C-alpha atoms as a PDB file:
ATOM      1  CA  MET A   1       0.122  -0.036   0.026  1.00  0.00           C
ATOM      2  CA  SER A   2       1.181   3.610  -0.832  1.00  0.00           C
ATOM      3  CA  GLU A   3       1.942   5.921   2.071  1.00  0.00           C
ATOM      4  CA  ILE A   4      -1.220   8.239   2.202  1.00  0.00           C
ATOM      5  CA  SER A   5      -1.734  11.194   4.424  1.00  0.00           C
ATOM      6  CA  GLU A   6      -4.176  10.870   7.178  1.00  0.00           C
ATOM      7  CA  GLY A   7      -5.621  13.877   5.799  1.00  0.00           C
ATOM      8  CA  LEU A   8      -6.867  12.083   2.872  1.00  0.00           C
ATOM      9  CA  LEU A   9      -7.658   8.935   4.604  1.00  0.00           C
ATOM     10  CA  SER A  10      -9.954  10.668   6.761  1.00  0.00           C
ATOM     11  CA  SER A  11     -12.451  11.811   4.134  1.00  0.00           C
ATOM     12  CA  ALA A  12     -11.894   8.953   1.648  1.00  0.00           C
ATOM     13  CA  PHE A  13     -11.987   5.059   1.025  1.00  0.00           C
ATOM     14  CA  TYR A  14      -8.620   3.604   0.172  1.00  0.00           C
ATOM     15  CA  LEU A  15      -9.735   1.306  -2.755  1.00  0.00           C
ATOM     16  CA  GLY A  16      -6.525  -0.221  -3.843  1.00  0.00           C
ATOM     17  CA  GLU A  17      -3.451   0.448  -6.225  1.00  0.00           C
ATOM     18  CA  MET A  18      -3.162   1.557  -9.795  1.00  0.00           C
ATOM     19  CA  PRO A  19       0.275   1.524 -11.537  1.00  0.00           C
ATOM     20  CA  SER A  20       1.007   5.170 -10.567  1.00  0.00           C
ATOM     21  CA  GLY A  21      -0.121   4.853  -6.999  1.00  0.00           C
ATOM     22  CA  ALA A  22      -3.104   4.589  -4.633  1.00  0.00           C
ATOM     23  CA  LEU A  23      -6.656   4.992  -5.736  1.00  0.00           C
ATOM     24  CA  LEU A  24      -9.010   6.758  -3.387  1.00  0.00           C
ATOM     25  CA  LEU A  25     -12.859   7.362  -3.446  1.00  0.00           C
ATOM     26  CA  LYS A  26     -14.096  10.579  -1.398  1.00  0.00           C
ATOM     27  CA  ASP A  27     -16.731   9.575   1.107  1.00  0.00           C
ATOM     28  CA  ASN A  28     -19.783  11.404  -0.254  1.00  0.00           C
ATOM     29  CA  ALA A  29     -22.138   9.558  -2.595  1.00  0.00           C
ATOM     30  CA  LEU A  30     -23.396  12.721  -4.149  1.00  0.00           C
ATOM     31  CA  TYR A  31     -20.523  12.824  -6.622  1.00  0.00           C
ATOM     32  CA  PRO A  32     -18.180  10.075  -8.163  1.00  0.00           C
ATOM     33  CA  TRP A  33     -15.065  11.517  -6.844  1.00  0.00           C
ATOM     34  CA  PHE A  34     -11.526  10.130  -7.036  1.00  0.00           C
ATOM     35  CA  LEU A  35      -8.016  10.539  -5.983  1.00  0.00           C
ATOM     36  CA  ILE A  36      -4.979   9.515  -7.393  1.00  0.00           C
ATOM     37  CA  VAL A  37      -2.073   9.748  -4.885  1.00  0.00           C
ATOM     38  CA  PRO A  38       1.287   8.709  -6.660  1.00  0.00           C
ATOM     39  CA  HIS A  39       3.869   6.544  -4.992  1.00  0.00           C
ATOM     40  CA  GLY A  40       6.348   8.666  -3.262  1.00  0.00           C
ATOM     41  CA  ASN A  41       6.226  11.553  -1.022  1.00  0.00           C
ATOM     42  CA  PHE A  42       5.679  14.625  -3.187  1.00  0.00           C
ATOM     43  CA  VAL A  43       3.974  18.018  -2.758  1.00  0.00           C
ATOM     44  CA  GLU A  44       4.263  19.479  -6.224  1.00  0.00           C
ATOM     45  CA  TRP A  45       3.626  17.957  -9.773  1.00  0.00           C
ATOM     46  CA  VAL A  46       7.082  19.026 -10.828  1.00  0.00           C
ATOM     47  CA  GLU A  47       8.671  16.777  -7.888  1.00  0.00           C
ATOM     48  CA  ILE A  48       7.155  13.397  -9.328  1.00  0.00           C
ATOM     49  CA  PRO A  49       9.507  11.815 -11.516  1.00  0.00           C
ATOM     50  CA  PRO A  50       8.521  11.662 -15.526  1.00  0.00           C
ATOM     51  CA  GLU A  51       8.083   8.091 -15.507  1.00  0.00           C
ATOM     52  CA  THR A  52       5.560   8.002 -12.491  1.00  0.00           C
ATOM     53  CA  GLN A  53       3.954  11.380 -14.220  1.00  0.00           C
ATOM     54  CA  HIS A  54       3.246   9.191 -17.268  1.00  0.00           C
ATOM     55  CA  LYS A  55       1.795   6.404 -15.592  1.00  0.00           C
ATOM     56  CA  MET A  56      -0.630   8.944 -13.703  1.00  0.00           C
ATOM     57  CA  LEU A  57      -1.713  10.245 -17.028  1.00  0.00           C
ATOM     58  CA  THR A  58      -2.290   6.616 -18.221  1.00  0.00           C
ATOM     59  CA  ASP A  59      -4.197   5.699 -14.846  1.00  0.00           C
ATOM     60  CA  LEU A  60      -6.165   9.359 -15.172  1.00  0.00           C
ATOM     61  CA  ASN A  61      -7.108   8.503 -18.838  1.00  0.00           C
ATOM     62  CA  SER A  62      -8.296   4.710 -17.778  1.00  0.00           C
ATOM     63  CA  LEU A  63     -10.194   6.231 -14.818  1.00  0.00           C
ATOM     64  CA  SER A  64     -11.932   9.058 -16.995  1.00  0.00           C
ATOM     65  CA  ARG A  65     -13.000   6.378 -19.334  1.00  0.00           C
ATOM     66  CA  PHE A  66     -14.578   4.325 -16.591  1.00  0.00           C
ATOM     67  CA  LEU A  67     -16.453   7.603 -15.285  1.00  0.00           C
ATOM     68  CA  GLN A  68     -17.973   8.131 -18.839  1.00  0.00           C
ATOM     69  CA  GLU A  69     -18.537   4.381 -19.736  1.00  0.00           C
ATOM     70  CA  ASP A  70     -19.735   2.798 -16.353  1.00  0.00           C
ATOM     71  CA  GLU A  71     -23.551   1.935 -16.608  1.00  0.00           C
ATOM     72  CA  VAL A  72     -24.165   3.195 -13.113  1.00  0.00           C
ATOM     73  CA  LEU A  73     -22.122   6.412 -13.081  1.00  0.00           C
ATOM     74  CA  LYS A  74     -22.751   7.694 -16.947  1.00  0.00           C
ATOM     75  CA  VAL A  75     -21.099  11.170 -16.008  1.00  0.00           C
ATOM     76  CA  GLU A  76     -21.260  13.936 -18.574  1.00  0.00           C
ATOM     77  CA  LYS A  77     -18.231  16.011 -17.394  1.00  0.00           C
ATOM     78  CA  ILE A  78     -14.851  15.084 -15.744  1.00  0.00           C
ATOM     79  CA  ASN A  79     -13.191  17.729 -13.557  1.00  0.00           C
ATOM     80  CA  ILE A  80      -9.398  17.348 -12.707  1.00  0.00           C
ATOM     81  CA  GLY A  81      -7.799  18.991 -10.134  1.00  0.00           C
ATOM     82  CA  ALA A  82      -4.629  19.150  -8.285  1.00  0.00           C
ATOM     83  CA  LEU A  83      -4.877  21.780  -5.186  1.00  0.00           C
ATOM     84  CA  GLY A  84      -3.237  20.547  -1.967  1.00  0.00           C
ATOM     85  CA  ASN A  85      -4.074  23.572  -0.287  1.00  0.00           C
ATOM     86  CA  ILE A  86      -5.138  21.553   2.874  1.00  0.00           C
ATOM     87  CA  VAL A  87      -3.454  18.319   2.543  1.00  0.00           C
ATOM     88  CA  PRO A  88       0.054  19.182   0.896  1.00  0.00           C
ATOM     89  CA  GLN A  89       0.880  15.451  -0.299  1.00  0.00           C
ATOM     90  CA  PHE A  90       0.305  15.308  -3.910  1.00  0.00           C
ATOM     91  CA  HIS A  91      -3.240  14.144  -5.058  1.00  0.00           C
ATOM     92  CA  LEU A  92      -5.088  14.365  -8.338  1.00  0.00           C
ATOM     93  CA  HIS A  93      -8.654  14.859  -7.921  1.00  0.00           C
ATOM     94  CA  ILE A  94     -10.937  13.102 -10.443  1.00  0.00           C
ATOM     95  CA  LEU A  95     -14.366  14.184 -10.299  1.00  0.00           C
ATOM     96  CA  GLY A  96     -17.451  13.056 -12.158  1.00  0.00           C
ATOM     97  CA  ARG A  97     -20.065  15.641 -12.994  1.00  0.00           C
ATOM     98  CA  LYS A  98     -23.639  15.497 -14.170  1.00  0.00           C
ATOM     99  CA  SER A  99     -25.863  18.553 -15.290  1.00  0.00           C
ATOM    100  CA  SER A 100     -28.474  17.074 -12.663  1.00  0.00           C
ATOM    101  CA  ASP A 101     -26.164  17.035  -9.657  1.00  0.00           C
ATOM    102  CA  LEU A 102     -26.678  19.498  -6.658  1.00  0.00           C
ATOM    103  CA  ALA A 103     -23.840  21.754  -7.289  1.00  0.00           C
ATOM    104  CA  TRP A 104     -24.020  21.992 -11.242  1.00  0.00           C
ATOM    105  CA  PRO A 105     -22.470  24.004 -12.857  1.00  0.00           C
ATOM    106  CA  GLY A 106     -20.302  25.308 -10.191  1.00  0.00           C
ATOM    107  CA  PRO A 107     -17.599  23.714  -7.846  1.00  0.00           C
ATOM    108  CA  VAL A 108     -18.472  20.877  -5.580  1.00  0.00           C
ATOM    109  CA  TRP A 109     -16.381  21.857  -2.624  1.00  0.00           C
ATOM    110  CA  GLY A 110     -18.220  23.244   0.174  1.00  0.00           C
ATOM    111  CA  HIS A 111     -21.642  23.001  -2.075  1.00  0.00           C
ATOM    112  CA  SER A 112     -23.845  20.239  -0.692  1.00  0.00           C
ATOM    113  CA  ASP A 113     -24.030  18.259   2.618  1.00  0.00           C
ATOM    114  CA  HIS A 114     -22.426  14.814   2.894  1.00  0.00           C
ATOM    115  CA  VAL A 115     -24.257  11.683   2.016  1.00  0.00           C
ATOM    116  CA  ASP A 116     -22.934   8.252   2.990  1.00  0.00           C
ATOM    117  CA  TYR A 117     -22.528   5.422   0.569  1.00  0.00           C
ATOM    118  CA  GLY A 118     -25.196   2.755   1.144  1.00  0.00           C
ATOM    119  CA  GLU A 119     -24.215  -0.680   2.272  1.00  0.00           C
ATOM    120  CA  GLY A 120     -22.361  -2.578  -0.401  1.00  0.00           C
ATOM    121  CA  GLU A 121     -22.001   0.559  -2.950  1.00  0.00           C
ATOM    122  CA  VAL A 122     -18.401   1.130  -2.471  1.00  0.00           C
ATOM    123  CA  ALA A 123     -17.896  -2.415  -2.944  1.00  0.00           C
ATOM    124  CA  ALA A 124     -19.880  -2.751  -5.910  1.00  0.00           C
ATOM    125  CA  LEU A 125     -18.009   0.240  -7.620  1.00  0.00           C
ATOM    126  CA  THR A 126     -14.803  -1.253  -6.419  1.00  0.00           C
ATOM    127  CA  ALA A 127     -15.694  -4.436  -8.445  1.00  0.00           C
ATOM    128  CA  ARG A 128     -16.638  -2.535 -11.636  1.00  0.00           C
ATOM    129  CA  LEU A 129     -13.281  -0.640 -11.297  1.00  0.00           C
ATOM    130  CA  ALA A 130     -11.377  -3.763 -11.130  1.00  0.00           C
ATOM    131  CA  GLY A 131     -12.978  -5.246 -14.262  1.00  0.00           C
ATOM    132  CA  THR A 132     -12.154  -2.005 -16.374  1.00  0.00           C
ATOM    133  CA  VAL A 133      -9.645   0.226 -15.133  1.00  0.00           C
ATOM    134  CA  ASN A 134      -6.055  -0.077 -16.249  1.00  0.00           C
ATOM    135  CA  LYS A 135      -4.163  -2.792 -13.623  1.00  0.00           C
ATOM    136  CA  PHE A 136      -6.390  -1.633 -10.921  1.00  0.00           C
ATOM    137  CA  THR A 137      -5.928  -4.068  -8.203  1.00  0.00           C
ATOM    138  CA  ARG A 138      -8.307  -3.591  -5.483  1.00  0.00           C
ATOM    139  CA  VAL A 139      -7.954  -4.089  -1.596  1.00  0.00           C
ATOM    140  CA  ALA A 140     -10.100  -7.221  -0.348  1.00  0.00           C
ATOM    141  CA  ASP A 141     -11.850  -5.366   2.441  1.00  0.00           C
ATOM    142  CA  VAL A 142     -13.407  -2.334   0.944  1.00  0.00           C
END
């Protein structure tokens, strides 16, 4: 398992590993919101070795295709960001959006109340990821 900041783990589920690093899911069922945390301890994109950057782009593309093509999610737009203002460990946000979501068309940060995932929803999503996302290896207990 990658070393992941407690600041990230406190608001996300650790789903497993991709070639570039850990894959997390924000713990708010209102939005399909993933985080890729690269292997290594980095704060800025420019600190990440080019080989890992390339892996992150491949993983980002694979995850983005999943968000568009997954029969349950079927997102219309994908937002990608790397802010790190609160948690300095580098992490990439990949957020699926629909024109019907509560925050549309504005940003989701601080917009809507938190909604927990229902029983089995995270496990079902993780199983779908494992079947389609580039070399994603899920953890057994999610």
